[in-house]
């Protein structure tokens, strides 16, 4: 219960008990007063001093008057303390009310901030979902491009292993067939070995065989060179580089989206801070409203009033 209403209630209850007690004396007071008034009308001063009934009734009337006066004085003595308490409470409550109004305004600001934040929060959540969808699409595209590199490498090896090898075999078969039919004298053979004594002293069959073998190996060397030229890794590198650049661009796009998502995550992370700030402000308002019940001056006056009430004899 509020310290003010609790204290005033105790005072009012105390005052009511005193008034009830006073009211209990009033019938006796009225009766004795009426009798005394009646005696006063018929007795002189000497008779009053000699009349035992008058003296006894008058004594009872004075006792009742004193009882009523004593109880009235109890109320009068505590009333200034209660008035002091009321004034002190009013002053303290006014100070706290100003703090409370200021804090309520602060809470309204915090609520508005939270409301705006939550509106943007929902927008950011949707943006985050869109970014995650785009990132997933990019990841799928990167996977396809990586697979494309493997496919291009396999095609290169297949071309070398099948087409180029078949072309080489066809060239070799063609060379073999042609050399068998071409006369030796029509072959162009340019070899330093032909200037040696061993060759010059050889029989014509040896020279013919050497010429055909030399021409065969020369043509084979050219065919192999064509095979090597057609099979160079440089032939496939442009395609691989192009795919690599596409992957790099995808990674760059992914990183940009990732940075945007990180910024959104940072924004979404403030939700707890906004909620805690509002909760702290509301808690502070509760503390402010409760300060009046903890004020040392009011508690001291309250204790004094309660002590006076407990020590007062109103029986």
Protein backbone atom coordinates (compact mmCIF):
# COMPACT_ATOMS: atom_id res chain seq x y z
CA UNK A 1 0.00 0.00 0.00
CA UNK A 2 1.11 3.57 -0.64
CA UNK A 3 2.82 5.10 2.40
CA UNK A 4 0.47 8.11 2.32
CA UNK A 5 -2.81 6.19 2.25
CA UNK A 6 -1.54 3.66 4.77
CA UNK A 7 -0.55 6.38 7.25
CA UNK A 8 -3.70 8.47 6.76
CA UNK A 9 -5.84 5.35 7.16
CA UNK A 10 -4.16 4.54 10.46
CA UNK A 11 -4.69 8.13 11.62
CA UNK A 12 -8.35 8.15 10.56
CA UNK A 13 -8.96 4.80 12.25
CA UNK A 14 -7.29 6.13 15.40
CA UNK A 15 -9.36 9.33 15.25
CA UNK A 16 -12.54 7.31 14.68
CA UNK A 17 -11.86 5.22 17.77
CA UNK A 18 -11.38 8.40 19.82
CA UNK A 19 -14.59 9.90 18.44
CA UNK A 20 -16.46 6.69 19.19
CA UNK A 21 -15.17 6.81 22.75
CA UNK A 22 -16.19 10.47 23.04
CA UNK A 23 -19.63 9.61 21.66
CA UNK A 24 -19.93 6.95 24.35
CA UNK A 25 -19.47 9.64 27.00
CA UNK A 26 -22.02 12.02 25.47
CA UNK A 27 -25.25 10.43 26.87
CA UNK A 28 -23.82 10.55 30.41
CA UNK A 29 -22.56 14.05 29.80
CA UNK A 30 -25.96 15.27 28.57
CA UNK A 31 -27.86 13.58 31.38
CA UNK A 32 -25.58 14.93 34.12
CA UNK A 33 -25.53 18.37 32.50
CA UNK A 34 -29.35 18.48 32.40
CA UNK A 35 -29.58 17.47 36.06
CA UNK A 36 -27.02 20.10 37.06
CA UNK A 37 -28.93 22.72 35.07
CA UNK A 38 -32.10 21.73 36.89
CA UNK A 39 -30.38 22.00 40.28
CA UNK A 40 -28.93 25.38 39.29
CA UNK A 41 -32.42 26.71 38.74
CA UNK A 42 -33.66 25.80 42.26
CA UNK A 43 -30.58 25.84 44.50
CA UNK A 44 -28.60 28.77 45.70
CA UNK A 45 -24.84 28.66 46.16
CA UNK A 46 -25.07 27.55 49.80
CA UNK A 47 -27.51 24.75 48.97
CA UNK A 48 -25.25 23.55 46.19
CA UNK A 49 -22.39 23.18 48.65
CA UNK A 50 -24.62 21.20 51.03
CA UNK A 51 -26.52 19.03 48.53
CA UNK A 52 -24.71 15.69 48.24
CA UNK A 53 -26.55 14.66 45.05
CA UNK A 54 -25.62 17.93 43.37
CA UNK A 55 -22.00 17.56 44.43
CA UNK A 56 -21.81 13.93 43.22
CA UNK A 57 -23.51 14.60 39.90
CA UNK A 58 -21.39 17.68 39.30
CA UNK A 59 -18.29 15.67 40.08
CA UNK A 60 -19.35 13.02 37.54
CA UNK A 61 -20.02 15.74 34.97
CA UNK A 62 -16.55 17.22 35.46
CA UNK A 63 -14.96 13.79 35.17
CA UNK A 64 -16.80 13.17 31.90
CA UNK A 65 -15.77 16.61 30.66
CA UNK A 66 -12.14 15.80 31.46
CA UNK A 67 -12.37 12.45 29.69
CA UNK A 68 -13.77 14.15 26.60
CA UNK A 69 -11.16 16.92 26.81
CA UNK A 70 -8.28 14.43 27.23
CA UNK A 71 -9.32 12.49 24.16
CA UNK A 72 -9.79 15.68 22.18
CA UNK A 73 -6.28 16.74 23.19
CA UNK A 74 -4.90 13.40 21.91
CA UNK A 75 -6.29 14.21 18.46
CA UNK A 76 -5.10 17.82 18.57
CA UNK A 77 -1.56 16.76 19.49
CA UNK A 78 -1.23 14.32 16.59
CA UNK A 79 -2.95 16.47 13.95
CA UNK A 80 0.08 18.83 13.42
CA UNK A 81 2.24 15.74 12.88
CA UNK A 82 -0.24 14.43 10.32
CA UNK A 83 -0.39 17.83 8.60
CA UNK A 84 3.43 17.87 8.49
CA UNK A 85 3.37 14.39 6.98
CA UNK A 86 0.82 15.45 4.35
CA UNK A 87 2.86 18.50 3.35
CA UNK A 88 6.09 16.51 3.21
CA UNK A 89 4.39 13.84 1.11
CA UNK A 90 2.90 16.44 -1.24
CA UNK A 91 6.32 18.00 -1.76
CA UNK A 92 8.06 14.66 -2.27
CA UNK A 93 5.28 13.38 -4.52
CA UNK A 94 5.54 16.54 -6.64
CA UNK A 95 9.26 15.98 -7.11
CA UNK A 96 8.72 12.34 -7.99
CA UNK A 97 5.83 13.22 -10.29
CA UNK A 98 8.16 15.47 -12.30
CA UNK A 99 10.68 12.64 -12.57
CA UNK A 100 7.87 10.27 -13.51
CA UNK A 101 6.58 12.60 -16.26
CA UNK A 102 10.09 12.96 -17.65
CA UNK A 103 10.63 9.19 -17.52
CA UNK A 104 7.26 8.53 -19.22
CA UNK A 105 8.28 10.87 -22.04
CA UNK A 106 11.56 8.98 -22.30
CA UNK A 107 9.66 5.68 -22.43
CA UNK A 108 7.46 7.01 -25.25
CA UNK A 109 10.60 7.85 -27.19
CA UNK A 110 12.00 4.38 -26.56
CA UNK A 111 8.73 2.77 -27.63
CA UNK A 112 8.70 4.82 -30.83
CA UNK A 113 12.31 3.88 -31.51
CA UNK A 114 11.49 0.20 -30.97
CA UNK A 115 8.40 0.48 -33.19
CA UNK A 116 10.40 2.01 -36.05
CA UNK A 117 13.16 -0.51 -35.54
CA UNK A 118 10.73 -3.47 -35.64
CA UNK A 119 9.23 -2.11 -38.87
CA UNK A 120 12.70 -2.01 -40.44
CA UNK A 121 13.47 -5.34 -38.76
CA UNK A 122 10.74 -7.08 -40.78
CA UNK A 123 11.98 -5.39 -43.96
CA UNK A 124 15.55 -6.49 -43.24
CA UNK A 125 14.40 -10.06 -42.59
CA UNK A 126 12.86 -10.19 -46.07
CA UNK A 127 16.02 -8.67 -47.56
CA UNK A 128 18.06 -11.30 -45.75
CA UNK A 129 15.88 -14.07 -47.21
CA UNK A 130 16.34 -12.61 -50.70
CA UNK A 131 20.12 -12.38 -50.22
CA UNK A 132 20.29 -15.97 -48.98
CA UNK A 133 18.30 -17.08 -52.04
CA UNK A 134 20.68 -15.19 -54.35
CA UNK A 135 23.70 -16.64 -52.56
CA UNK A 136 22.24 -20.13 -52.95
CA UNK A 137 21.75 -19.48 -56.67
CA UNK A 138 25.35 -18.29 -57.00
CA UNK A 139 26.62 -21.35 -55.11
CA UNK A 140 24.71 -23.56 -57.55
CA UNK A 141 26.13 -21.64 -60.51
CA UNK A 142 29.66 -21.96 -59.12
CA UNK A 143 29.16 -25.71 -58.73
CA UNK A 144 28.02 -25.93 -62.35
CA UNK A 145 31.05 -23.91 -63.51
CA UNK A 146 33.41 -26.12 -61.51
CA UNK A 147 31.80 -29.14 -63.11
CA UNK A 148 32.22 -27.39 -66.45
CA UNK A 149 35.98 -27.21 -65.86
CA UNK A 150 36.03 -30.96 -65.27
CA UNK A 151 33.91 -31.55 -68.35
CA UNK A 152 36.20 -29.38 -70.49
CA UNK A 153 39.27 -31.24 -69.21
CA UNK A 154 37.64 -34.58 -69.96
CA UNK A 155 36.73 -33.40 -73.47
CA UNK A 156 40.32 -32.25 -74.04
CA UNK A 157 41.69 -35.61 -72.98
CA UNK A 158 39.05 -37.36 -75.05
CA UNK A 159 40.04 -35.31 -78.12
CA UNK A 160 43.71 -36.10 -77.58
CA UNK A 161 43.10 -39.74 -76.79
CA UNK A 162 40.64 -40.38 -79.59
CA UNK A 163 40.64 -37.85 -82.41
CA UNK A 164 44.28 -36.75 -82.33
CA UNK A 165 45.57 -40.27 -81.82
CA UNK A 166 43.38 -41.52 -84.65
CA UNK A 167 44.67 -38.71 -86.88
CA UNK A 168 48.25 -39.64 -85.95
CA UNK A 169 47.63 -43.31 -86.72
CA UNK A 170 46.01 -42.35 -90.03
CA UNK A 171 49.02 -40.14 -90.89
CA UNK A 172 51.42 -42.97 -90.04
CA UNK A 173 49.46 -45.48 -92.15
CA UNK A 174 49.36 -43.02 -95.03
CA UNK A 175 53.09 -42.35 -94.80
CA UNK A 176 53.83 -46.07 -94.77
CA UNK A 177 51.66 -46.73 -97.80
CA UNK A 178 53.02 -43.83 -99.83
CA UNK A 179 56.69 -44.61 -99.11
CA UNK A 180 56.30 -48.16 -100.33
CA UNK A 181 55.10 -46.92 -103.72
CA UNK A 182 57.48 -43.92 -104.15
CA UNK A 183 60.85 -44.79 -105.88
CA UNK A 184 63.93 -44.05 -103.79
CA UNK A 185 65.31 -41.62 -106.31
CA UNK A 186 62.24 -39.40 -105.92
CA UNK A 187 62.64 -39.19 -102.16
CA UNK A 188 64.22 -36.10 -100.72
CA UNK A 189 66.82 -37.32 -98.25
CA UNK A 190 69.18 -34.81 -96.68
CA UNK A 191 71.32 -36.57 -94.12
CA UNK A 192 74.94 -36.10 -93.06
CA UNK A 193 75.19 -39.88 -92.82
CA UNK A 194 74.94 -40.08 -96.61
CA UNK A 195 78.33 -38.35 -96.80
CA UNK A 196 80.02 -40.98 -94.66
CA UNK A 197 82.26 -43.74 -96.07
CA UNK A 198 80.01 -46.37 -94.58
CA UNK A 199 77.07 -45.16 -96.64
CA UNK A 200 79.09 -44.45 -99.76
CA UNK A 201 80.59 -47.96 -99.69
CA UNK A 202 77.22 -49.59 -99.08
CA UNK A 203 75.32 -51.64 -101.64
CA UNK A 204 72.34 -50.13 -103.44
CA UNK A 205 69.80 -52.19 -101.44
CA UNK A 206 71.19 -50.76 -98.17
CA UNK A 207 71.09 -47.25 -99.59
CA UNK A 208 67.49 -47.79 -100.76
CA UNK A 209 66.46 -49.12 -97.35
CA UNK A 210 68.18 -46.22 -95.56
CA UNK A 211 66.50 -43.68 -97.84
CA UNK A 212 63.03 -45.12 -97.26
CA UNK A 213 63.57 -45.42 -93.47
CA UNK A 214 64.97 -41.88 -93.27
CA UNK A 215 62.03 -40.49 -95.23
CA UNK A 216 59.61 -42.55 -93.08
CA UNK A 217 61.07 -41.24 -89.81
CA UNK A 218 61.15 -37.67 -91.13
CA UNK A 219 57.49 -37.86 -92.10
CA UNK A 220 56.68 -39.59 -88.79
CA UNK A 221 58.45 -36.78 -86.91
CA UNK A 222 56.35 -34.21 -88.75
CA UNK A 223 53.19 -36.20 -88.03
CA UNK A 224 54.11 -36.47 -84.35
CA UNK A 225 54.81 -32.72 -84.25
CA UNK A 226 51.35 -32.08 -85.69
CA UNK A 227 49.95 -34.41 -83.01
CA UNK A 228 51.83 -32.49 -80.32
CA UNK A 229 50.76 -29.12 -81.74
CA UNK A 230 47.12 -30.23 -81.90
CA UNK A 231 47.35 -31.63 -78.38
CA UNK A 232 48.98 -28.67 -76.64
CA UNK A 233 47.44 -27.75 -73.29
CA UNK A 234 47.44 -24.13 -74.46
CA UNK A 235 44.58 -25.09 -76.78
CA UNK A 236 42.28 -25.71 -73.81
CA UNK A 237 43.58 -23.00 -71.46
CA UNK A 238 41.47 -20.14 -72.96
CA UNK A 239 38.28 -22.07 -72.19
CA UNK A 240 39.49 -22.88 -68.66
CA UNK A 241 40.51 -19.27 -68.06
CA UNK A 242 37.15 -18.04 -69.27
CA UNK A 243 35.36 -20.41 -66.86
CA UNK A 244 37.76 -19.39 -64.09
CA UNK A 245 36.92 -15.72 -64.65
CA UNK A 246 33.23 -16.53 -64.50
CA UNK A 247 33.78 -18.33 -61.18
CA UNK A 248 35.82 -15.39 -59.88
CA UNK A 249 33.00 -13.00 -60.80
CA UNK A 250 30.52 -15.28 -59.07
CA UNK A 251 32.71 -15.30 -55.94
CA UNK A 252 32.89 -11.48 -56.07
CA UNK A 253 29.10 -11.30 -56.36
CA UNK A 254 28.79 -13.77 -53.49
CA UNK A 255 31.15 -11.72 -51.32
CA UNK A 256 29.15 -8.55 -52.02
CA UNK A 257 25.94 -10.31 -51.03
CA UNK A 258 27.68 -11.76 -47.97
CA UNK A 259 28.80 -8.27 -46.89
CA UNK A 260 25.25 -6.98 -47.33
CA UNK A 261 23.94 -9.88 -45.27
CA UNK A 262 26.51 -9.22 -42.53
CA UNK A 263 25.31 -5.61 -42.34
CA UNK A 264 21.74 -6.83 -42.09
CA UNK A 265 22.74 -9.33 -39.38
CA UNK A 266 24.38 -6.48 -37.46
CA UNK A 267 21.15 -4.51 -37.72
CA UNK A 268 19.03 -7.49 -36.67
CA UNK A 269 21.34 -7.98 -33.69
CA UNK A 270 20.22 -4.65 -32.21
CA UNK A 271 16.71 -6.01 -31.49
CA UNK A 272 17.65 -7.22 -28.02
CA UNK A 273 19.35 -3.89 -27.25
CA UNK A 274 16.21 -1.91 -28.17
CA UNK A 275 14.00 -4.22 -26.11
CA UNK A 276 16.35 -4.12 -23.12
CA UNK A 277 16.54 -0.32 -23.30
CA UNK A 278 12.74 -0.06 -23.19
CA UNK A 279 12.51 -2.61 -20.38
CA UNK A 280 15.16 -0.74 -18.38
CA UNK A 281 13.28 2.56 -18.87
CA UNK A 282 10.02 0.98 -17.69
CA UNK A 283 11.80 -0.55 -14.71
CA UNK A 284 13.26 2.85 -13.90
CA UNK A 285 9.73 4.31 -13.95
CA UNK A 286 8.61 1.65 -11.47
CA UNK A 287 11.55 2.54 -9.23
CA UNK A 288 10.71 6.26 -9.46
CA UNK A 289 7.07 5.64 -8.53
CA UNK A 290 8.23 3.58 -5.55
CA UNK A 291 10.65 6.21 -4.25
CA UNK A 292 7.95 7.96 -2.25
CA UNK A 293 7.49 4.80 -0.16
CA UNK A 294 11.23 4.72 0.56
CA UNK A 295 11.77 8.38 1.45
CA UNK A 296 13.58 8.62 4.78
CA UNK A 297 11.80 11.82 5.90
CA UNK A 298 8.35 10.36 5.24
CA UNK A 299 9.26 7.07 6.88
CA UNK A 300 10.48 8.93 9.96
CA UNK A 301 7.25 10.96 10.29
CA UNK A 302 5.18 7.83 9.62
CA UNK A 303 7.04 5.98 12.38
CA UNK A 304 6.46 8.91 14.77
CA UNK A 305 2.73 8.93 14.02
CA UNK A 306 2.46 5.17 14.48
CA UNK A 307 4.45 5.37 17.73
CA UNK A 308 2.15 8.10 19.06
CA UNK A 309 -0.94 6.05 18.14
CA UNK A 310 0.40 2.88 19.79
CA UNK A 311 1.37 4.73 22.98
CA UNK A 312 -1.88 6.69 23.29
CA UNK A 313 -4.36 5.32 25.86
CA UNK A 314 -7.88 5.67 24.51
CA UNK A 315 -9.56 3.07 26.70
